[in-house]
Amino acid sequence: MKYIWIWMSVVGSAGLFADLPVKATKSTRQGAVTVAPVEWSWSAMKIRFVGKAWPQTPEEGFAAVEKRAFAAGLEGMVQDMQRQYPDYLKSAQIQEASSPQSAVQAAKRVSRGAYVQHTEYFGDGSVRLSMESHLPSAFIGLFSFSIEKAGSTKGIAPTGVALRSAVYIPPMPVYEVVDEGGQVLFGVKQVAKDAYQKNLMGRWLTKSASGNIEGLFRAVGAKSISIEIQAVTGNKLQVNGAKWREALGQSQALLENAKIAVVTPRGPSA
């Protein structure tokens, strides 16, 4: 795999985050760029995005076009993030006065770890890149953490927690588990920063019509605790408080390590 280490200087931050989106095109006119829909894989913890660019002059080589294709794909990813997760970005901008351009910072983090899965070169001089990066990189800088390093889970009997919902819940970078009275049982303050960087606040898995849940064992292990989600309001997932406390009262390290899977039915577009 080809790794890319490109900063915003490729196109300039002002151009990258202009109000007007990158215009997709099917033509081969010189200098044009196009981007494809962004895939946010919350089960695999990956962001997948595509960018394509054409040469600005007949003499321009593939290397220069490749850089602009990468920049186009990254820009498409950021615009998709701004469209899908505006509330989280807005909250981060308000809370972190020292870093108001949270989307720009997210793009830099994604750029550092992005790598090219597939490169296509065309006879007209254009280049199309299929790229991938680590999903937590887009969100890690948006929230503050009370715990830097997660404690050891050695000796803890349960291996994780499976939060199961009867209704579809769209994936969220942060959420809260609350009891019947609204008291927070689990939130971003209970997750260690190093665990969030690897696993967010746990995996979001979907249940098929046959009941199969792909990746559940890898996410929470063979002896996970199963807890039903009773209601969903915004990013608050209500559970039976007594059951949660009984099951996890002595297992805080599981929460620090984000050994959690939120299991929901497939979404409307799945």
C-alpha atoms as a PDB file:
ATOM      1  CA  MET A   1       0.000   0.000   0.000  1.00  0.00           C
ATOM      2  CA  LYS A   2       1.205   3.469  -0.801  1.00  0.00           C
ATOM      3  CA  TYR A   3       1.199   5.801   2.205  1.00  0.00           C
ATOM      4  CA  ILE A   4       0.581   9.495   1.702  1.00  0.00           C
ATOM      5  CA  TRP A   5       1.875  12.182   4.061  1.00  0.00           C
ATOM      6  CA  ILE A   6       0.433  15.391   2.648  1.00  0.00           C
ATOM      7  CA  TRP A   7      -0.410  18.609   4.492  1.00  0.00           C
ATOM      8  CA  MET A   8      -2.969  21.219   3.582  1.00  0.00           C
ATOM      9  CA  SER A   9      -0.299  23.092   1.617  1.00  0.00           C
ATOM     10  CA  VAL A  10      -1.249  20.905  -1.353  1.00  0.00           C
ATOM     11  CA  VAL A  11      -4.171  23.181  -2.137  1.00  0.00           C
ATOM     12  CA  GLY A  12      -4.094  25.702   0.706  1.00  0.00           C
ATOM     13  CA  SER A  13      -6.495  25.659   3.638  1.00  0.00           C
ATOM     14  CA  ALA A  14      -8.499  28.599   2.269  1.00  0.00           C
ATOM     15  CA  GLY A  15      -9.229  26.728  -0.950  1.00  0.00           C
ATOM     16  CA  LEU A  16      -9.814  23.440   0.816  1.00  0.00           C
ATOM     17  CA  PHE A  17     -12.564  24.794   3.017  1.00  0.00           C
ATOM     18  CA  ALA A  18     -14.187  27.306   0.691  1.00  0.00           C
ATOM     19  CA  ASP A  19     -17.957  27.650   0.974  1.00  0.00           C
ATOM     20  CA  LEU A  20     -18.478  26.187  -2.490  1.00  0.00           C
ATOM     21  CA  PRO A  21     -18.002  22.403  -2.719  1.00  0.00           C
ATOM     22  CA  VAL A  22     -15.723  20.709  -5.219  1.00  0.00           C
ATOM     23  CA  LYS A  23     -17.713  20.372  -8.421  1.00  0.00           C
ATOM     24  CA  ALA A  24     -17.898  16.838  -9.711  1.00  0.00           C
ATOM     25  CA  THR A  25     -17.414  16.523 -13.442  1.00  0.00           C
ATOM     26  CA  LYS A  26     -17.512  13.815 -16.084  1.00  0.00           C
ATOM     27  CA  SER A  27     -15.503  15.807 -18.562  1.00  0.00           C
ATOM     28  CA  THR A  28     -11.767  15.577 -19.128  1.00  0.00           C
ATOM     29  CA  ARG A  29     -11.147  19.308 -19.264  1.00  0.00           C
ATOM     30  CA  GLN A  30      -7.763  20.336 -17.951  1.00  0.00           C
ATOM     31  CA  GLY A  31      -7.495  20.935 -14.207  1.00  0.00           C
ATOM     32  CA  ALA A  32     -10.885  19.415 -13.340  1.00  0.00           C
ATOM     33  CA  VAL A  33     -11.323  17.316 -10.201  1.00  0.00           C
ATOM     34  CA  THR A  34     -14.082  15.018  -8.988  1.00  0.00           C
ATOM     35  CA  VAL A  35     -14.847  13.201  -5.753  1.00  0.00           C
ATOM     36  CA  ALA A  36     -16.972  10.161  -4.925  1.00  0.00           C
ATOM     37  CA  PRO A  37     -19.289   9.569  -1.939  1.00  0.00           C
ATOM     38  CA  VAL A  38     -17.455   9.046   1.343  1.00  0.00           C
ATOM     39  CA  GLU A  39     -17.845   5.776   3.260  1.00  0.00           C
ATOM     40  CA  TRP A  40     -17.745   5.975   7.068  1.00  0.00           C
ATOM     41  CA  SER A  41     -17.261   2.383   8.243  1.00  0.00           C
ATOM     42  CA  TRP A  42     -18.045   2.381  11.965  1.00  0.00           C
ATOM     43  CA  SER A  43     -17.594  -1.378  12.264  1.00  0.00           C
ATOM     44  CA  ALA A  44     -14.132  -1.417  10.661  1.00  0.00           C
ATOM     45  CA  MET A  45     -13.166   2.046  12.027  1.00  0.00           C
ATOM     46  CA  LYS A  46     -12.229   3.274   8.540  1.00  0.00           C
ATOM     47  CA  ILE A  47     -12.958   6.300   6.358  1.00  0.00           C
ATOM     48  CA  ARG A  48     -12.854   5.494   2.646  1.00  0.00           C
ATOM     49  CA  PHE A  49     -12.815   8.262   0.051  1.00  0.00           C
ATOM     50  CA  VAL A  50     -11.983   8.750  -3.611  1.00  0.00           C
ATOM     51  CA  GLY A  51     -10.500  11.681  -5.529  1.00  0.00           C
ATOM     52  CA  LYS A  52      -9.755  12.177  -9.204  1.00  0.00           C
ATOM     53  CA  ALA A  53      -7.916  14.973 -10.993  1.00  0.00           C
ATOM     54  CA  TRP A  54      -6.957  15.873 -14.549  1.00  0.00           C
ATOM     55  CA  PRO A  55      -3.735  17.570 -15.686  1.00  0.00           C
ATOM     56  CA  GLN A  56      -3.769  21.368 -15.714  1.00  0.00           C
ATOM     57  CA  THR A  57      -1.439  21.454 -18.702  1.00  0.00           C
ATOM     58  CA  PRO A  58      -0.504  18.870 -21.361  1.00  0.00           C
ATOM     59  CA  GLU A  59       2.978  18.698 -19.856  1.00  0.00           C
ATOM     60  CA  GLU A  60       1.901  18.024 -16.259  1.00  0.00           C
ATOM     61  CA  GLY A  61       2.982  14.579 -15.055  1.00  0.00           C
ATOM     62  CA  PHE A  62       1.112  11.957 -13.072  1.00  0.00           C
ATOM     63  CA  ALA A  63       2.872  12.831  -9.779  1.00  0.00           C
ATOM     64  CA  ALA A  64       1.446  16.368  -9.668  1.00  0.00           C
ATOM     65  CA  VAL A  65      -2.011  15.209 -10.732  1.00  0.00           C
ATOM     66  CA  GLU A  66      -1.877  12.509  -8.058  1.00  0.00           C
ATOM     67  CA  LYS A  67      -1.363  15.131  -5.336  1.00  0.00           C
ATOM     68  CA  ARG A  68      -4.379  17.096  -6.474  1.00  0.00           C
ATOM     69  CA  ALA A  69      -6.472  13.920  -6.669  1.00  0.00           C
ATOM     70  CA  PHE A  70      -5.560  13.211  -3.042  1.00  0.00           C
ATOM     71  CA  ALA A  71      -6.447  16.781  -2.039  1.00  0.00           C
ATOM     72  CA  ALA A  72      -9.784  16.526  -3.868  1.00  0.00           C
ATOM     73  CA  GLY A  73     -10.665  13.284  -2.102  1.00  0.00           C
ATOM     74  CA  LEU A  74      -9.690  14.728   1.275  1.00  0.00           C
ATOM     75  CA  GLU A  75     -11.764  17.831   0.643  1.00  0.00           C
ATOM     76  CA  GLY A  76     -14.759  15.681  -0.226  1.00  0.00           C
ATOM     77  CA  MET A  77     -14.291  13.762   3.029  1.00  0.00           C
ATOM     78  CA  VAL A  78     -14.218  16.977   5.094  1.00  0.00           C
ATOM     79  CA  GLN A  79     -17.283  18.390   3.375  1.00  0.00           C
ATOM     80  CA  ASP A  80     -19.112  15.139   4.054  1.00  0.00           C
ATOM     81  CA  MET A  81     -18.041  15.350   7.708  1.00  0.00           C
ATOM     82  CA  GLN A  82     -19.322  18.923   7.918  1.00  0.00           C
ATOM     83  CA  ARG A  83     -22.624  17.811   6.408  1.00  0.00           C
ATOM     84  CA  GLN A  84     -23.140  14.702   8.541  1.00  0.00           C
ATOM     85  CA  TYR A  85     -21.701  15.802  11.892  1.00  0.00           C
ATOM     86  CA  PRO A  86     -22.238  19.587  12.141  1.00  0.00           C
ATOM     87  CA  ASP A  87     -23.357  19.491  15.780  1.00  0.00           C
ATOM     88  CA  TYR A  88     -20.119  17.850  16.936  1.00  0.00           C
ATOM     89  CA  LEU A  89     -17.954  20.255  14.945  1.00  0.00           C
ATOM     90  CA  LYS A  90     -19.916  23.256  16.211  1.00  0.00           C
ATOM     91  CA  SER A  91     -19.631  22.045  19.807  1.00  0.00           C
ATOM     92  CA  ALA A  92     -15.887  21.585  19.442  1.00  0.00           C
ATOM     93  CA  GLN A  93     -15.483  25.077  17.999  1.00  0.00           C
ATOM     94  CA  ILE A  94     -17.343  26.574  20.953  1.00  0.00           C
ATOM     95  CA  GLN A  95     -15.518  24.563  23.608  1.00  0.00           C
ATOM     96  CA  GLU A  96     -12.020  24.813  22.131  1.00  0.00           C
ATOM     97  CA  ALA A  97     -11.415  28.518  21.625  1.00  0.00           C
ATOM     98  CA  SER A  98      -7.739  27.840  20.931  1.00  0.00           C
ATOM     99  CA  SER A  99      -8.634  25.634  17.945  1.00  0.00           C
ATOM    100  CA  PRO A 100     -11.708  27.100  16.237  1.00  0.00           C
ATOM    101  CA  GLN A 101     -11.128  25.430  12.855  1.00  0.00           C
ATOM    102  CA  SER A 102     -11.980  21.951  14.063  1.00  0.00           C
ATOM    103  CA  ALA A 103     -12.789  20.612  10.584  1.00  0.00           C
ATOM    104  CA  VAL A 104      -9.410  21.790   9.292  1.00  0.00           C
ATOM    105  CA  GLN A 105      -7.650  20.056  12.178  1.00  0.00           C
ATOM    106  CA  ALA A 106      -9.651  16.884  11.541  1.00  0.00           C
ATOM    107  CA  ALA A 107      -8.520  16.946   7.909  1.00  0.00           C
ATOM    108  CA  LYS A 108      -4.893  17.222   8.971  1.00  0.00           C
ATOM    109  CA  ARG A 109      -5.207  14.223  11.284  1.00  0.00           C
ATOM    110  CA  VAL A 110      -6.915  12.146   8.601  1.00  0.00           C
ATOM    111  CA  SER A 111      -4.293  13.219   6.054  1.00  0.00           C
ATOM    112  CA  ARG A 112      -1.391  12.063   8.231  1.00  0.00           C
ATOM    113  CA  GLY A 113      -2.644   8.504   8.398  1.00  0.00           C
ATOM    114  CA  ALA A 114      -4.251   8.215   4.972  1.00  0.00           C
ATOM    115  CA  TYR A 115      -2.989   5.652   2.523  1.00  0.00           C
ATOM    116  CA  VAL A 116      -3.831   4.784  -1.046  1.00  0.00           C
ATOM    117  CA  GLN A 117      -5.475   1.427  -1.614  1.00  0.00           C
ATOM    118  CA  HIS A 118      -5.749   1.686  -5.362  1.00  0.00           C
ATOM    119  CA  THR A 119      -4.388   4.042  -8.026  1.00  0.00           C
ATOM    120  CA  GLU A 120      -5.731   4.284 -11.569  1.00  0.00           C
ATOM    121  CA  TYR A 121      -3.895   6.116 -14.356  1.00  0.00           C
ATOM    122  CA  PHE A 122      -5.795   7.081 -17.508  1.00  0.00           C
ATOM    123  CA  GLY A 123      -4.708   7.843 -21.036  1.00  0.00           C
ATOM    124  CA  ASP A 124      -5.904  11.447 -20.799  1.00  0.00           C
ATOM    125  CA  GLY A 125      -3.419  12.057 -17.950  1.00  0.00           C
ATOM    126  CA  SER A 126      -5.972  11.861 -15.143  1.00  0.00           C
ATOM    127  CA  VAL A 127      -5.447   9.949 -11.895  1.00  0.00           C
ATOM    128  CA  ARG A 128      -8.053   8.402  -9.590  1.00  0.00           C
ATOM    129  CA  LEU A 129      -7.099   7.432  -6.047  1.00  0.00           C
ATOM    130  CA  SER A 130      -9.079   5.183  -3.712  1.00  0.00           C
ATOM    131  CA  MET A 131      -7.953   6.048  -0.184  1.00  0.00           C
ATOM    132  CA  GLU A 132      -8.501   4.975   3.399  1.00  0.00           C
ATOM    133  CA  SER A 133      -7.784   6.419   6.828  1.00  0.00           C
ATOM    134  CA  HIS A 134      -8.500   5.646  10.495  1.00  0.00           C
ATOM    135  CA  LEU A 135     -11.983   6.888  11.429  1.00  0.00           C
ATOM    136  CA  PRO A 136     -11.150   8.022  15.006  1.00  0.00           C
ATOM    137  CA  SER A 137      -8.593  10.435  13.543  1.00  0.00           C
ATOM    138  CA  ALA A 138     -11.460  12.627  12.344  1.00  0.00           C
ATOM    139  CA  PHE A 139     -12.971  12.984  15.830  1.00  0.00           C
ATOM    140  CA  ILE A 140     -10.218  12.587  18.439  1.00  0.00           C
ATOM    141  CA  GLY A 141      -9.477  16.325  18.559  1.00  0.00           C
ATOM    142  CA  LEU A 142     -13.101  17.390  19.037  1.00  0.00           C
ATOM    143  CA  PHE A 143     -13.494  16.281  22.649  1.00  0.00           C
ATOM    144  CA  SER A 144     -11.652  16.584  25.945  1.00  0.00           C
ATOM    145  CA  PHE A 145     -10.784  13.495  27.974  1.00  0.00           C
ATOM    146  CA  SER A 146     -10.471  13.033  31.730  1.00  0.00           C
ATOM    147  CA  ILE A 147      -8.422   9.835  31.368  1.00  0.00           C
ATOM    148  CA  GLU A 148      -5.290   9.687  29.227  1.00  0.00           C
ATOM    149  CA  LYS A 149      -4.440   5.968  29.415  1.00  0.00           C
ATOM    150  CA  ALA A 150      -6.861   3.104  29.959  1.00  0.00           C
ATOM    151  CA  GLY A 151      -6.334   0.716  32.853  1.00  0.00           C
ATOM    152  CA  SER A 152      -5.717  -2.993  32.460  1.00  0.00           C
ATOM    153  CA  THR A 153      -8.660  -5.341  31.977  1.00  0.00           C
ATOM    154  CA  LYS A 154      -6.688  -8.310  33.263  1.00  0.00           C
ATOM    155  CA  GLY A 155      -8.663 -10.296  35.818  1.00  0.00           C
ATOM    156  CA  ILE A 156     -12.038  -8.774  34.894  1.00  0.00           C
ATOM    157  CA  ALA A 157     -14.583 -11.529  34.254  1.00  0.00           C
ATOM    158  CA  PRO A 158     -16.698  -9.916  31.504  1.00  0.00           C
ATOM    159  CA  THR A 159     -14.826  -9.179  28.292  1.00  0.00           C
ATOM    160  CA  GLY A 160     -17.035  -6.322  27.094  1.00  0.00           C
ATOM    161  CA  VAL A 161     -20.523  -4.866  26.818  1.00  0.00           C
ATOM    162  CA  ALA A 162     -23.035  -5.345  23.995  1.00  0.00           C
ATOM    163  CA  LEU A 163     -25.649  -2.576  24.002  1.00  0.00           C
ATOM    164  CA  ARG A 164     -28.551  -3.921  21.965  1.00  0.00           C
ATOM    165  CA  SER A 165     -31.266  -1.821  20.383  1.00  0.00           C
ATOM    166  CA  ALA A 166     -34.538  -2.934  18.777  1.00  0.00           C
ATOM    167  CA  VAL A 167     -34.536   0.193  16.585  1.00  0.00           C
ATOM    168  CA  TYR A 168     -31.857   1.573  14.298  1.00  0.00           C
ATOM    169  CA  ILE A 169     -29.441   4.058  15.886  1.00  0.00           C
ATOM    170  CA  PRO A 170     -27.126   5.945  13.516  1.00  0.00           C
ATOM    171  CA  PRO A 171     -23.450   5.826  14.553  1.00  0.00           C
ATOM    172  CA  MET A 172     -22.207   8.725  16.683  1.00  0.00           C
ATOM    173  CA  PRO A 173     -18.667   9.752  17.687  1.00  0.00           C
ATOM    174  CA  VAL A 174     -19.873  10.361  21.252  1.00  0.00           C
ATOM    175  CA  TYR A 175     -22.964   9.265  23.132  1.00  0.00           C
ATOM    176  CA  GLU A 176     -24.144   8.827  26.714  1.00  0.00           C
ATOM    177  CA  VAL A 177     -25.659   5.835  28.461  1.00  0.00           C
ATOM    178  CA  VAL A 178     -28.200   7.043  31.027  1.00  0.00           C
ATOM    179  CA  ASP A 179     -30.499   5.423  33.560  1.00  0.00           C
ATOM    180  CA  GLU A 180     -34.245   5.904  33.879  1.00  0.00           C
ATOM    181  CA  GLY A 181     -33.760   9.183  35.741  1.00  0.00           C
ATOM    182  CA  GLY A 182     -31.319  10.611  33.209  1.00  0.00           C
ATOM    183  CA  GLN A 183     -28.183  10.086  35.299  1.00  0.00           C
ATOM    184  CA  VAL A 184     -25.147   9.515  33.083  1.00  0.00           C
ATOM    185  CA  LEU A 185     -23.720   6.024  33.536  1.00  0.00           C
ATOM    186  CA  PHE A 186     -21.213   6.181  30.687  1.00  0.00           C
ATOM    187  CA  GLY A 187     -19.935   8.972  28.485  1.00  0.00           C
ATOM    188  CA  VAL A 188     -16.799  10.302  26.844  1.00  0.00           C
ATOM    189  CA  LYS A 189     -15.412  11.275  30.280  1.00  0.00           C
ATOM    190  CA  GLN A 190     -15.256   7.584  31.199  1.00  0.00           C
ATOM    191  CA  VAL A 191     -13.251   6.636  28.086  1.00  0.00           C
ATOM    192  CA  ALA A 192      -9.465   6.930  28.037  1.00  0.00           C
ATOM    193  CA  LYS A 193      -8.012   9.041  25.256  1.00  0.00           C
ATOM    194  CA  ASP A 194      -5.748   6.243  24.002  1.00  0.00           C
ATOM    195  CA  ALA A 195      -8.745   3.864  23.807  1.00  0.00           C
ATOM    196  CA  TYR A 196     -10.879   6.412  21.927  1.00  0.00           C
ATOM    197  CA  GLN A 197      -8.036   6.919  19.475  1.00  0.00           C
ATOM    198  CA  LYS A 198      -8.178   3.213  18.664  1.00  0.00           C
ATOM    199  CA  ASN A 199     -11.839   2.401  19.083  1.00  0.00           C
ATOM    200  CA  LEU A 200     -13.924   5.575  19.568  1.00  0.00           C
ATOM    201  CA  MET A 201     -16.541   4.797  22.236  1.00  0.00           C
ATOM    202  CA  GLY A 202     -16.861   1.260  20.906  1.00  0.00           C
ATOM    203  CA  ARG A 203     -17.930  -0.359  17.651  1.00  0.00           C
ATOM    204  CA  TRP A 204     -21.252   0.174  15.921  1.00  0.00           C
ATOM    205  CA  LEU A 205     -22.473  -3.167  14.590  1.00  0.00           C
ATOM    206  CA  THR A 206     -25.586  -4.111  12.662  1.00  0.00           C
ATOM    207  CA  LYS A 207     -27.759  -7.169  13.108  1.00  0.00           C
ATOM    208  CA  SER A 208     -28.944  -8.967   9.989  1.00  0.00           C
ATOM    209  CA  ALA A 209     -32.486 -10.258   9.518  1.00  0.00           C
ATOM    210  CA  SER A 210     -31.221 -13.715  10.492  1.00  0.00           C
ATOM    211  CA  GLY A 211     -29.793 -12.353  13.736  1.00  0.00           C
ATOM    212  CA  ASN A 212     -26.146 -12.558  12.715  1.00  0.00           C
ATOM    213  CA  ILE A 213     -23.894  -9.805  14.111  1.00  0.00           C
ATOM    214  CA  GLU A 214     -20.621  -9.667  12.221  1.00  0.00           C
ATOM    215  CA  GLY A 215     -17.613  -8.647  14.298  1.00  0.00           C
ATOM    216  CA  LEU A 216     -19.271  -8.939  17.729  1.00  0.00           C
ATOM    217  CA  PHE A 217     -16.695 -11.393  19.096  1.00  0.00           C
ATOM    218  CA  ARG A 218     -13.798  -9.217  17.928  1.00  0.00           C
ATOM    219  CA  ALA A 219     -15.365  -6.119  19.470  1.00  0.00           C
ATOM    220  CA  VAL A 220     -16.350  -7.340  22.936  1.00  0.00           C
ATOM    221  CA  GLY A 221     -14.930 -10.828  23.333  1.00  0.00           C
ATOM    222  CA  ALA A 222     -16.498 -14.182  24.144  1.00  0.00           C
ATOM    223  CA  LYS A 223     -17.946 -13.285  27.565  1.00  0.00           C
ATOM    224  CA  SER A 224     -19.637  -9.966  26.947  1.00  0.00           C
ATOM    225  CA  ILE A 225     -22.491  -8.544  29.006  1.00  0.00           C
ATOM    226  CA  SER A 226     -25.689  -7.960  27.024  1.00  0.00           C
ATOM    227  CA  ILE A 227     -27.757  -4.906  28.005  1.00  0.00           C
ATOM    228  CA  GLU A 228     -30.897  -3.758  26.211  1.00  0.00           C
ATOM    229  CA  ILE A 229     -31.328  -0.135  25.185  1.00  0.00           C
ATOM    230  CA  GLN A 230     -34.790   0.901  26.359  1.00  0.00           C
ATOM    231  CA  ALA A 231     -35.085   4.309  24.673  1.00  0.00           C
ATOM    232  CA  VAL A 232     -33.054   6.686  22.520  1.00  0.00           C
ATOM    233  CA  THR A 233     -33.196  10.482  22.767  1.00  0.00           C
ATOM    234  CA  GLY A 234     -30.621  12.292  20.664  1.00  0.00           C
ATOM    235  CA  ASN A 235     -27.270  10.855  21.707  1.00  0.00           C
ATOM    236  CA  LYS A 236     -28.598   9.486  25.006  1.00  0.00           C
ATOM    237  CA  LEU A 237     -29.148   5.735  25.235  1.00  0.00           C
ATOM    238  CA  GLN A 238     -31.351   4.768  28.174  1.00  0.00           C
ATOM    239  CA  VAL A 239     -30.799   1.431  29.898  1.00  0.00           C
ATOM    240  CA  ASN A 240     -31.871  -0.293  33.105  1.00  0.00           C
ATOM    241  CA  GLY A 241     -29.700   1.531  35.628  1.00  0.00           C
ATOM    242  CA  ALA A 242     -29.756  -1.206  38.248  1.00  0.00           C
ATOM    243  CA  LYS A 243     -28.654  -3.847  35.746  1.00  0.00           C
ATOM    244  CA  TRP A 244     -25.868  -1.598  34.413  1.00  0.00           C
ATOM    245  CA  ARG A 245     -24.511  -0.872  37.906  1.00  0.00           C
ATOM    246  CA  GLU A 246     -24.695  -4.497  38.966  1.00  0.00           C
ATOM    247  CA  ALA A 247     -22.918  -5.710  35.836  1.00  0.00           C
ATOM    248  CA  LEU A 248     -20.291  -2.972  35.537  1.00  0.00           C
ATOM    249  CA  GLY A 249     -19.808  -1.619  39.035  1.00  0.00           C
ATOM    250  CA  GLN A 250     -16.471  -3.421  39.349  1.00  0.00           C
ATOM    251  CA  SER A 251     -15.537  -3.314  35.678  1.00  0.00           C
ATOM    252  CA  GLN A 252     -14.721   0.329  34.991  1.00  0.00           C
ATOM    253  CA  ALA A 253     -11.597  -0.666  33.051  1.00  0.00           C
ATOM    254  CA  LEU A 254     -13.869  -2.120  30.351  1.00  0.00           C
ATOM    255  CA  LEU A 255     -15.430   1.304  29.914  1.00  0.00           C
ATOM    256  CA  GLU A 256     -12.061   3.060  29.914  1.00  0.00           C
ATOM    257  CA  ASN A 257     -10.972   0.713  27.112  1.00  0.00           C
ATOM    258  CA  ALA A 258     -14.238   1.248  25.198  1.00  0.00           C
ATOM    259  CA  LYS A 259     -14.883  -2.496  25.104  1.00  0.00           C
ATOM    260  CA  ILE A 260     -18.390  -1.807  23.877  1.00  0.00           C
ATOM    261  CA  ALA A 261     -20.469  -2.673  20.847  1.00  0.00           C
ATOM    262  CA  VAL A 262     -23.685  -0.821  20.029  1.00  0.00           C
ATOM    263  CA  VAL A 263     -25.767  -3.357  18.097  1.00  0.00           C
ATOM    264  CA  THR A 264     -28.681  -2.070  16.023  1.00  0.00           C
ATOM    265  CA  PRO A 265     -30.783  -3.297  13.100  1.00  0.00           C
ATOM    266  CA  ARG A 266     -29.618  -2.167   9.679  1.00  0.00           C
ATOM    267  CA  GLY A 267     -30.379   1.415   8.707  1.00  0.00           C
ATOM    268  CA  PRO A 268     -32.887   2.500   6.046  1.00  0.00           C
ATOM    269  CA  SER A 269     -30.201   2.734   3.331  1.00  0.00           C
ATOM    270  CA  ALA A 270     -28.363  -0.476   4.248  1.00  0.00           C
END
